[in-house]
Structures are given as structure tokens and as C-alpha cells.
Protein backbone atom coordinates (compact mmCIF):
# COMPACT_ATOMS: atom_id res chain seq x y z
CA MET A 1 2.47 46.02 -19.48
CA ASN A 2 1.14 46.93 -16.05
CA ASP A 3 4.40 48.76 -15.26
CA LEU A 4 4.21 50.67 -18.54
CA PHE A 5 0.60 51.67 -17.94
CA LYS A 6 1.46 52.99 -14.48
CA TYR A 7 4.49 54.80 -15.86
CA TYR A 8 2.58 56.72 -18.52
CA PHE A 9 -0.34 57.30 -16.14
CA LYS A 10 2.06 59.10 -13.81
CA ASN A 11 4.35 60.69 -16.39
CA ASN A 12 2.57 62.57 -19.14
CA PHE A 13 1.88 66.06 -20.47
CA LEU A 14 -0.39 66.80 -17.50
CA THR A 15 2.42 65.96 -15.06
CA GLN A 16 4.73 68.36 -16.89
CA LYS A 17 2.11 71.10 -16.86
CA LYS A 18 1.56 70.72 -13.10
CA TYR A 19 5.32 70.61 -12.55
CA ARG A 20 5.69 74.06 -14.10
CA GLU A 21 2.82 75.40 -11.98
CA ILE A 22 4.41 74.06 -8.79
CA ASP A 23 7.77 75.56 -9.68
CA HIS A 24 6.07 78.94 -10.10
CA LEU A 25 4.64 78.75 -6.56
CA TYR A 26 8.11 78.81 -5.01
CA HIS A 27 8.72 82.27 -6.48
CA LEU A 28 5.59 83.94 -5.09
CA SER A 29 5.33 86.28 -2.12
CA ASP A 30 3.54 85.04 0.99
CA GLU A 31 0.64 87.38 0.28
CA LYS A 32 0.15 86.10 -3.24
CA LEU A 33 0.53 82.48 -2.18
CA PHE A 34 -1.98 82.84 0.65
CA GLU A 35 -4.41 84.42 -1.83
CA LEU A 36 -4.09 81.30 -3.98
CA TYR A 37 -4.78 79.11 -0.92
CA ASN A 38 -7.90 81.15 -0.25
CA ASN A 39 -9.15 80.97 -3.84
CA LYS A 40 -8.48 77.24 -4.08
CA PHE A 41 -10.28 76.51 -0.81
CA ILE A 42 -13.36 78.53 -1.78
CA ARG A 43 -13.43 76.78 -5.17
CA ILE A 44 -13.34 73.31 -3.57
CA PHE A 45 -15.89 74.23 -0.89
CA ASN A 46 -18.34 75.60 -3.48
CA LYS A 47 -17.91 72.55 -5.67
CA ALA A 48 -18.46 70.22 -2.71
CA ILE A 49 -21.57 71.93 -1.35
CA ASN A 50 -23.14 72.30 -4.80
CA LYS A 51 -22.36 68.88 -6.28
CA SER A 52 -21.61 66.36 -3.54
CA THR A 53 -24.69 64.73 -1.98
CA PHE A 54 -22.58 63.91 1.08
CA TYR A 55 -21.52 67.51 1.75
CA GLN A 56 -24.95 68.91 0.95
CA LYS A 57 -26.51 66.71 3.61
CA LEU A 58 -23.67 67.17 6.14
CA TYR A 59 -23.51 70.95 5.91
CA SER A 60 -27.28 71.37 6.01
CA GLU A 61 -27.26 69.50 9.33
CA TYR A 62 -24.86 72.13 10.66
CA GLY A 63 -26.81 75.04 9.17
CA ILE A 64 -24.07 75.80 6.65
CA GLY A 65 -25.09 77.09 3.25
CA ALA A 66 -23.19 78.12 0.13
CA HIS A 67 -22.83 81.68 1.45
CA SER A 68 -21.78 80.73 4.99
CA ILE A 69 -18.09 80.52 4.09
CA LYS A 70 -16.61 83.80 2.92
CA ASP A 71 -12.89 83.01 2.92
CA ILE A 72 -10.28 80.56 4.19
CA ASN A 73 -10.52 81.89 7.75
CA ASP A 74 -14.06 80.48 7.93
CA ILE A 75 -12.80 76.92 7.48
CA VAL A 76 -13.03 76.33 11.24
CA LYS A 77 -16.82 76.64 10.99
CA LEU A 78 -16.96 73.38 9.03
CA PRO A 79 -17.32 70.01 10.79
CA VAL A 80 -14.37 67.65 11.10
CA LEU A 81 -14.52 64.41 9.11
CA GLU A 82 -13.54 61.12 10.73
CA LYS A 83 -12.14 58.18 8.80
CA SER A 84 -15.22 56.11 9.67
CA THR A 85 -17.48 58.74 8.10
CA ILE A 86 -15.51 58.71 4.86
CA LYS A 87 -15.66 54.93 4.80
CA GLU A 88 -19.46 54.93 5.06
CA HIS A 89 -20.06 57.63 2.43
CA VAL A 90 -17.21 57.23 -0.04
CA ASP A 91 -19.45 57.08 -3.12
CA ASP A 92 -21.51 60.11 -2.08
CA ILE A 93 -18.37 62.24 -1.69
CA TYR A 94 -17.13 61.64 -5.23
CA ILE A 95 -18.44 64.17 -7.75
CA GLY A 96 -16.66 63.26 -10.97
CA PHE A 97 -17.45 60.91 -13.84
CA ASP A 98 -17.43 57.24 -12.81
CA PHE A 99 -15.23 56.17 -15.72
CA MET A 100 -12.50 58.57 -14.56
CA LYS A 101 -12.16 57.44 -10.96
CA VAL A 102 -9.34 55.23 -9.79
CA LYS A 103 -9.52 53.42 -6.47
CA GLY A 104 -6.85 54.00 -3.87
CA PHE A 105 -6.53 52.15 -0.59
CA THR A 106 -5.03 53.33 2.65
CA SER A 107 -2.86 50.74 4.36
CA GLY A 108 -5.01 50.75 7.47
CA THR A 109 -2.78 51.08 10.52
CA THR A 110 -5.69 49.91 12.66
CA GLY A 111 -6.50 47.14 10.23
CA THR A 112 -9.32 49.24 8.79
CA PRO A 113 -8.24 50.23 5.29
CA LEU A 114 -10.11 53.06 3.62
CA THR A 115 -11.10 53.28 -0.04
CA VAL A 116 -10.61 56.68 -1.66
CA TYR A 117 -11.08 57.86 -5.22
CA ARG A 118 -8.54 59.55 -7.46
CA THR A 119 -8.52 60.79 -11.01
CA ALA A 120 -5.83 61.22 -13.65
CA THR A 121 -5.58 64.89 -12.67
CA ASP A 122 -4.74 64.51 -9.00
CA ILE A 123 -2.44 61.55 -9.72
CA ALA A 124 -0.54 63.79 -12.14
CA ILE A 125 -0.41 66.59 -9.54
CA GLU A 126 0.98 64.21 -6.90
CA GLN A 127 3.64 62.96 -9.31
CA ALA A 128 4.52 66.52 -10.25
CA TYR A 129 5.17 67.35 -6.58
CA ILE A 130 7.39 64.27 -6.25
CA LYS A 131 9.27 65.09 -9.45
CA HIS A 132 9.80 68.73 -8.46
CA TYR A 133 10.94 67.87 -4.93
CA ARG A 134 13.47 65.33 -6.09
CA GLU A 135 14.83 67.62 -8.78
CA MET A 136 15.34 70.30 -6.12
CA HIS A 137 17.76 67.86 -4.49
CA GLY A 138 19.53 66.86 -7.68
CA PHE A 139 17.69 63.78 -8.94
CA ASN A 140 15.99 63.70 -12.33
CA ASN A 141 13.55 61.08 -13.60
CA GLY A 142 15.34 58.58 -15.80
CA GLN A 143 18.52 58.51 -13.74
CA PRO A 144 19.20 55.15 -12.04
CA LEU A 145 16.88 54.81 -9.03
CA LEU A 146 17.00 52.01 -6.46
CA SER A 147 13.61 51.24 -4.88
CA ILE A 148 13.29 49.42 -1.52
CA ARG A 149 9.61 49.93 -0.76
CA GLY A 150 8.05 46.48 -0.48
CA VAL A 151 6.99 46.39 -4.14
CA LEU A 152 8.38 42.86 -4.45
CA GLY A 153 7.43 40.04 -2.10
CA LYS A 154 9.49 37.08 -0.86
CA ASN A 155 9.27 35.17 -4.13
CA THR A 156 11.19 37.69 -6.30
CA THR A 157 14.66 38.97 -5.39
CA HIS A 158 14.81 41.92 -7.79
CA HIS A 159 13.38 43.47 -10.93
CA HIS A 160 14.71 46.16 -13.28
CA PHE A 161 12.01 48.32 -14.88
CA LYS A 162 14.05 49.63 -17.79
CA LYS A 163 11.58 52.26 -19.02
CA ALA A 164 11.86 54.25 -15.78
CA ASN A 165 15.37 52.94 -14.99
CA ILE A 166 14.29 51.71 -11.56
CA LEU A 167 15.85 48.68 -9.85
CA TYR A 168 13.46 47.12 -7.35
CA ILE A 169 14.90 44.84 -4.70
CA SER A 170 12.82 42.62 -2.47
CA SER A 171 12.64 44.28 0.93
CA PRO A 172 11.70 41.13 2.92
CA ASN A 173 14.62 39.24 1.34
CA ILE A 174 17.32 41.50 2.76
CA ASN A 175 19.41 39.46 5.21
CA GLU A 176 22.98 38.27 5.84
CA ASN A 177 22.65 35.54 3.21
CA THR A 178 21.54 37.86 0.40
CA ILE A 179 23.42 41.06 1.14
CA ASP A 180 26.50 40.19 -0.96
CA MET A 181 24.26 39.51 -3.95
CA TYR A 182 22.39 42.76 -3.43
CA TYR A 183 25.63 44.70 -2.97
CA GLU A 184 26.95 43.44 -6.33
CA LEU A 185 23.61 44.11 -7.99
CA VAL A 186 23.36 47.67 -6.67
CA THR A 187 27.02 48.42 -7.39
CA GLN A 188 26.61 47.38 -11.02
CA PHE A 189 23.38 49.37 -11.33
CA GLY A 190 24.98 52.54 -9.89
CA PRO A 191 21.93 54.34 -8.48
CA VAL A 192 21.96 58.12 -8.28
CA ALA A 193 19.22 57.95 -5.64
CA ILE A 194 17.27 55.51 -3.46
CA GLU A 195 13.58 55.60 -2.56
CA ALA A 196 12.71 53.47 0.45
CA TYR A 197 10.81 52.85 3.64
CA PRO A 198 13.13 53.89 6.50
CA SER A 199 12.99 50.48 8.22
CA TYR A 200 13.97 48.60 5.05
CA LEU A 201 16.76 50.99 4.15
CA HIS A 202 18.09 50.84 7.72
CA LYS A 203 18.07 47.02 7.58
CA PHE A 204 19.90 47.14 4.24
CA CYS A 205 22.59 49.35 5.80
CA ILE A 206 22.91 47.17 8.90
CA GLU A 207 23.60 44.12 6.73
CA LEU A 208 26.13 46.07 4.64
CA GLU A 209 27.88 47.21 7.81
CA LYS A 210 28.14 43.63 9.13
CA LYS A 211 30.07 42.69 5.98
CA GLY A 212 32.20 45.84 6.02
CA LEU A 213 30.57 47.10 2.82
CA GLN A 214 29.71 50.67 1.87
CA LEU A 215 28.08 52.43 -1.06
CA HIS A 216 28.02 56.00 -2.34
CA VAL A 217 24.56 57.21 -3.35
CA LYS A 218 23.95 60.93 -3.75
CA ASN A 219 20.38 61.08 -2.39
CA CYS A 220 17.95 58.93 -0.43
CA PHE A 221 14.23 59.69 -0.30
CA THR A 222 12.32 58.03 2.55
CA SER A 223 8.59 58.00 3.25
CA SER A 224 5.60 56.07 4.67
CA GLU A 225 7.11 55.50 8.13
CA THR A 226 8.42 57.74 10.88
CA LEU A 227 12.13 58.31 10.25
CA MET A 228 14.11 57.80 13.45
CA GLU A 229 17.31 59.74 14.08
CA PHE A 230 19.34 56.56 14.64
CA GLN A 231 18.13 55.31 11.26
CA ARG A 232 19.17 58.54 9.55
CA ASN A 233 22.62 58.41 11.12
CA LYS A 234 23.26 54.82 10.04
CA ILE A 235 21.90 55.30 6.51
CA GLU A 236 23.88 58.47 5.84
CA GLN A 237 27.04 56.86 7.22
CA ILE A 238 26.90 53.57 5.28
CA LEU A 239 25.62 55.02 2.01
CA ASP A 240 27.56 58.30 2.14
CA THR A 241 24.30 59.95 1.22
CA ASP A 242 22.05 62.91 1.88
CA LEU A 243 18.69 61.71 3.22
CA HIS A 244 15.40 63.55 2.60
CA ASP A 245 12.20 62.47 4.34
CA TRP A 246 8.70 62.89 2.95
CA TYR A 247 5.44 62.70 4.91
CA GLY A 248 2.09 62.27 3.20
CA ASN A 249 -0.96 60.03 3.17
CA THR A 250 -2.92 57.94 0.69
CA GLU A 251 -5.89 60.27 1.08
CA ARG A 252 -3.72 63.07 -0.39
CA THR A 253 -4.73 65.56 2.31
CA ILE A 254 -1.31 66.50 3.69
CA LEU A 255 2.22 66.65 2.35
CA LEU A 256 5.30 67.66 4.31
CA ALA A 257 8.91 67.29 3.19
CA GLN A 258 12.32 68.10 4.55
CA ASN A 259 14.28 71.01 3.20
CA LYS A 260 18.07 71.14 2.95
CA THR A 261 18.36 71.90 6.67
CA LYS A 262 16.20 68.84 7.48
CA GLU A 263 13.22 70.90 8.62
CA TYR A 264 9.78 69.77 7.48
CA TYR A 265 7.65 72.19 5.51
CA PRO A 266 4.33 71.94 3.60
CA LEU A 267 4.67 71.77 -0.15
CA PRO A 268 2.90 74.86 -1.51
CA LEU A 269 -0.80 74.75 -2.38
CA TYR A 270 -1.10 71.03 -1.67
CA SER A 271 -3.31 71.21 1.42
CA ILE A 272 -4.52 73.28 4.36
CA ASN A 273 -3.29 71.90 7.68
CA GLU A 274 -4.62 72.74 11.13
CA PHE A 275 -2.15 71.36 13.68
CA ASN A 276 -3.63 70.25 17.01
CA GLU A 277 -2.11 68.53 20.02
CA ASN A 278 -3.02 64.96 19.02
CA ASN A 279 -3.98 65.23 15.36
CA VAL A 280 -3.96 67.32 12.22
CA ILE A 281 -7.13 68.54 10.51
CA THR A 282 -6.34 68.45 6.80
CA THR A 283 -8.03 69.76 3.65
CA SER A 284 -6.83 68.55 0.28
CA LEU A 285 -6.39 71.15 -2.45
CA ILE A 286 -5.42 68.76 -5.25
CA ASN A 287 -8.42 66.44 -5.60
CA GLU A 288 -11.56 68.38 -6.52
CA GLN A 289 -13.44 65.26 -7.62
CA PHE A 290 -13.08 63.59 -4.22
CA PRO A 291 -12.95 66.58 -1.85
CA LEU A 292 -11.82 65.84 1.69
CA ILE A 293 -12.48 68.99 3.71
CA ARG A 294 -11.29 69.09 7.33
CA TYR A 295 -10.33 65.42 7.43
CA LYS A 296 -8.73 64.25 10.69
CA VAL A 297 -5.31 62.60 10.51
CA GLU A 298 -4.45 60.94 13.81
CA ASP A 299 -0.68 61.52 13.66
CA ASN A 300 0.76 64.05 16.07
CA ILE A 301 2.82 66.80 14.45
CA SER A 302 4.37 69.28 16.85
CA THR A 303 4.63 72.91 15.73
CA LYS A 304 5.76 76.15 17.36
CA ASN A 305 3.30 78.39 15.55
CA ASN A 306 -0.25 79.18 16.63
CA ASN A 307 -0.97 81.71 13.90
CA PHE A 308 -3.44 80.35 11.32
CA LYS A 309 -1.77 81.90 8.29
CA GLU A 310 1.75 81.00 9.39
CA ASN A 311 0.71 77.42 10.07
CA ILE A 312 -0.47 77.16 6.49
CA LEU A 313 2.52 78.78 4.85
CA HIS A 314 5.46 78.29 7.23
CA PRO A 315 4.66 76.05 10.19
CA LYS A 316 7.67 75.52 12.41
CA ILE A 317 7.41 71.75 12.65
CA GLU A 318 9.37 70.27 15.51
CA LYS A 319 8.55 66.60 15.25
CA ILE A 320 6.29 64.11 13.46
CA ASN A 321 5.00 61.28 15.64
CA GLY A 322 3.15 58.60 13.76
CA ARG A 323 3.42 55.44 11.70
CA SER A 324 6.20 54.06 13.82
CA GLY A 325 6.01 50.51 15.01
CA ASP A 326 7.81 47.24 15.41
CA LEU A 327 8.95 45.04 12.58
CA LEU A 328 8.18 41.40 11.99
CA THR A 329 11.32 39.23 12.00
CA LEU A 330 11.50 36.19 9.73
CA LYS A 331 13.48 32.95 10.07
CA ASP A 332 16.25 34.04 7.72
CA GLY A 333 16.87 37.25 9.66
CA SER A 334 15.10 39.54 7.21
CA VAL A 335 12.48 41.96 8.50
CA VAL A 336 9.13 43.17 7.26
CA GLY A 337 8.01 46.73 7.90
CA CYS A 338 4.87 48.57 6.79
CA ILE A 339 2.99 45.30 7.32
CA ASP A 340 -0.21 47.35 7.43
CA ASN A 341 -0.05 47.28 3.62
CA ALA A 342 -1.32 43.70 3.87
CA PHE A 343 -4.73 45.10 4.79
CA LYS A 344 -5.08 47.18 1.62
CA GLY A 345 -8.22 46.36 -0.33
CA ILE A 346 -9.62 43.97 2.29
CA ASN A 347 -13.34 44.51 2.71
CA ASN A 348 -15.43 44.13 5.85
CA LEU A 349 -12.49 44.34 8.25
CA GLU A 350 -13.07 46.51 11.31
CA TRP A 351 -9.87 46.06 13.36
CA ALA A 352 -6.75 43.90 13.31
CA GLN A 353 -3.72 43.34 15.51
CA ILE A 354 -0.58 41.30 14.86
CA TYR A 355 1.23 39.31 17.54
CA GLN A 356 4.83 38.04 17.38
CA PHE A 357 6.23 37.53 20.87
CA ASP A 358 9.47 35.87 19.78
CA ASP A 359 11.57 36.94 16.84
CA HIS A 360 11.09 34.77 13.79
CA GLN A 361 7.64 33.16 14.35
CA PRO A 362 4.81 32.23 14.64
CA ILE A 363 2.66 35.21 13.71
CA GLU A 364 -0.93 35.53 14.89
CA VAL A 365 -3.30 38.04 13.33
CA LYS A 366 -6.40 38.83 15.36
CA ILE A 367 -9.14 40.21 13.12
CA VAL A 368 -12.36 41.95 14.05
CA VAL A 369 -14.81 41.71 11.15
CA ASN A 370 -18.38 42.60 10.30
CA THR A 371 -21.07 40.17 9.22
CA HIS A 372 -20.17 40.53 5.51
CA PHE A 373 -16.61 39.24 5.95
CA ASN A 374 -16.31 35.87 4.20
CA LYS A 375 -13.84 33.16 3.24
CA THR A 376 -12.80 35.04 0.12
CA ASP A 377 -11.84 38.07 2.22
CA GLU A 378 -9.77 35.87 4.53
CA GLU A 379 -8.02 34.13 1.63
CA LYS A 380 -7.19 37.49 0.07
CA LEU A 381 -5.80 38.74 3.39
CA ARG A 382 -3.74 35.57 3.79
CA SER A 383 -2.31 35.91 0.28
CA HIS A 384 -1.29 39.51 1.04
CA PHE A 385 0.57 38.38 4.15
CA ILE A 386 2.24 35.44 2.41
CA ARG A 387 3.44 37.70 -0.38
CA MET A 388 5.17 39.88 2.21
CA ILE A 389 6.47 37.26 4.68
CA GLY A 390 6.73 34.12 2.52
CA VAL A 391 5.30 30.64 3.00
CA GLU A 392 8.04 29.59 5.44
CA THR A 393 6.60 31.68 8.28
CA ASP A 394 3.85 30.19 10.43
CA LEU A 395 0.79 32.39 10.13
CA PHE A 396 -2.68 32.00 11.56
CA PHE A 397 -5.77 34.16 11.93
CA THR A 398 -7.94 34.42 15.01
CA TYR A 399 -11.40 35.97 14.91
CA ALA A 400 -11.85 38.33 17.83
CA LYS A 401 -13.80 41.24 19.27
CA LYS A 402 -12.36 44.71 19.70
CA GLU A 403 -12.14 44.21 23.47
CA ASP A 404 -9.84 41.22 22.84
CA LEU A 405 -7.18 43.52 21.36
CA VAL A 406 -4.37 45.09 23.35
CA PHE A 407 -4.41 48.81 24.11
CA SER A 408 -2.02 50.83 26.28
CA LYS A 409 -3.09 52.25 29.64
CA ASN A 410 -3.96 55.56 27.97
CA GLY A 411 -6.00 53.80 25.28
CA LYS A 412 -3.42 53.95 22.48
CA TYR A 413 -3.64 51.32 19.77
CA GLN A 414 -0.60 49.56 18.30
CA LEU A 415 -0.73 47.35 15.21
CA ILE A 416 2.10 44.98 16.16
CA ILE A 417 2.40 43.53 19.66
CA LYS A 418 5.87 42.17 20.44
CA LYS A 419 5.58 41.68 24.21
CA ARG A 420 3.11 39.44 25.95
CA PRO A 421 0.41 41.45 27.74
CA ALA A 422 0.99 41.59 31.50
């Protein structure tokens, strides 16, 4: 029932309406499209400053009034929002009806997950972008889709959601002992496309290669982690596939995808992106009820352009650096990536860092918490980890201070530490 609810929540008349609107955007001139960016930004700014108690207070502190922003070029006059600020004022930012909001949780790559609010409208818009992008590459909803995205934990090997025709396989169960079973399962299912985290799909292909097995799948859609070139090469070779990578965030403030020449580009009218040397300042254009205006995303995205308009419409993106990290290795040889998902929905957690110095185990999680963190929070966190890594793996939590965590010489934070600190 939960699967059906999610299916219809994401696939309905509103999704179809937004799909048609997105398709129309691809046929517009740059001038007309930029005009729509401008109009959308002004609409969201006016709504935020007039209805959000958070923005009213913030902008008044900076001397910004409703008439201070004339057009999209004035966006740089607005203050930048940090993740910590959003976390402290999440309820004051939201300006819709309470019964319409749906909670979303960032995975928390520093162990500090963020709660954001969504509504049926922006969920439908997001799904419309996904649907349109995949159809551009030859995949239609309803065709057989293989999903390797950590949906299933260690206790379930696979699940076929017939309504959407999606076969889920358990990412942390992929190893040399299960690969023959998965190969037969996937062969019988006959997927037209695969959606996956890059690390899981790469592991799947490595295990296939060890057994001399290959598949033919027309398209693969990867997301949520940095796609490495060696991963792409192996995946496309073993699956005889065309791989398309997708970069976005849970906050819905940026969306980049690869075109047919493998260059990343912003999907039209999704967000305004200001690319800096070490971060991207993003403004969502799809969620008017929870407006995030000039929100800092810490990932580094290299571009060749410096022109404001060109960076919005056609940034020449050279490389995306972010969300890469080591994997946890379990006893049976399977791996777990995107382990930061274990922190979703955990309250009162300030920082966390995971230590696994030898492949397989044990795994130590150092957690930095505030005074409200309690036993229930710890039990919930433990259950999230066990779902992903299984009960066979030794796991223990250590309460720590931020200064007890490991940072690089230049102050960079890493979620998973695989080598003992010198």
C-alpha cells in the first residue's frame, strides 16, 4: 500500500501537466527562457518577503525591502543561506498550509541531516523532470526498470513492484555468492533501463565480470554520488549500455544532467545557480511553499563561464566534485555506499564520522550530539545502520566532540575514514 501511495503521489495529472510545460521549455529561445527565469525569481522573492517570517526578518536585517530587487540580476544583493541557518528556521521558512507539507530529509554527509518541506506540487514537478529526461533517452515509465539504489536492506534480496514494473535488488547483498542469482533474476526480468547509485552499479558489474557474465541494457541512469570515469567505463562495457548521470539534491535547489555528449547542463527553469570556486549558490524555482533563495551547496562544480546569464542557461561545466567517498566492506564481500543515508531523520545529531580501518569490520561511528539526543535517537540510528549493513557486522557508537573527528590538513571533512590517522 505504501508503494502504491508513493506511486500515485508521484504519477498523476499534475505530473503530466508539468511534463508538458517542461517539454515546451526546450523549444524556447534563450531570450524567452531567460525572461521566464527572471519572472519566476521575482515571483518567489516577492512571495518569500511578503509571507515568510524568516525572510522578512532576514532581509530587514540587511536593509532589503520588497522593492529592493528589480530583476534577476539583483539576486547577488541577497544574503547567502547556510545549511545551519535552514536547520534552525525550517518552520519559519515554510509558507504553505500545514496539511499539505511533506517532510524530506537530506542524507547528511557530515552526519547533520536537514529537514526540508515539500508539497504535492513540487514533488510532481521533480517527477516530471525525471520522466522527461528519461524519455529523451528512450525510456518510458512502465517499461521494465531495474533499481539498485539501496531501497532494500540486507534482509531482503529483491522485490518486484508490479504497478510501476520496477525490480528492486538489495544493493548491500551484491557479492560473489549472490551474483548468479541476481544475473538470472535480471535476465528473466529484461530491464530496458537501470537506475542506480554509481558505486552499487559498479560493484554489480565487477561481480558479473568475475563470473564472465554480461548483460545488455539500453540505458543506465545514475545519481546521488560522484560518477567516476573508471566506473562509467566498466558499467558501459559489462552492461553494453549508455550511461546518463544526474546531479541534484534533496533540497531541490539544483539539478544538472548529462546530455548525449556526456556534458552536464542545468534542466531548464529548475533553479538559478551561481558557480563559485568551492561551492554553488543555488535558488530553487520549483518549491514556492518552501523557498530556498541563495542556498549554499558545498560541492565544487567547475565551469568555464563567468557570464551571469550564460551560467544560468548554458554553463560549460567541466567537472563535478562532491559526494565521493569510500565504501564500507562487509564480511561477505558486498559493499555499502551512500551510507550517509543512515543519518536521515535522526534528530539532535551535530556531526558524525565512520571508521573502518580494515575491510570487513568492525565499524565505529563517532557521533557528536546536542543535549537533546537520547536513547531513542541512538536506537533509531542503529536500526538504520543495521538495515543497510546487516546484523553480522560489528557496529558500535562512540560519543565524541567535534575536535575528536579527523579532518585533512586543509580542514576538509570526510564521512568515512579508512586509514588510521597518522
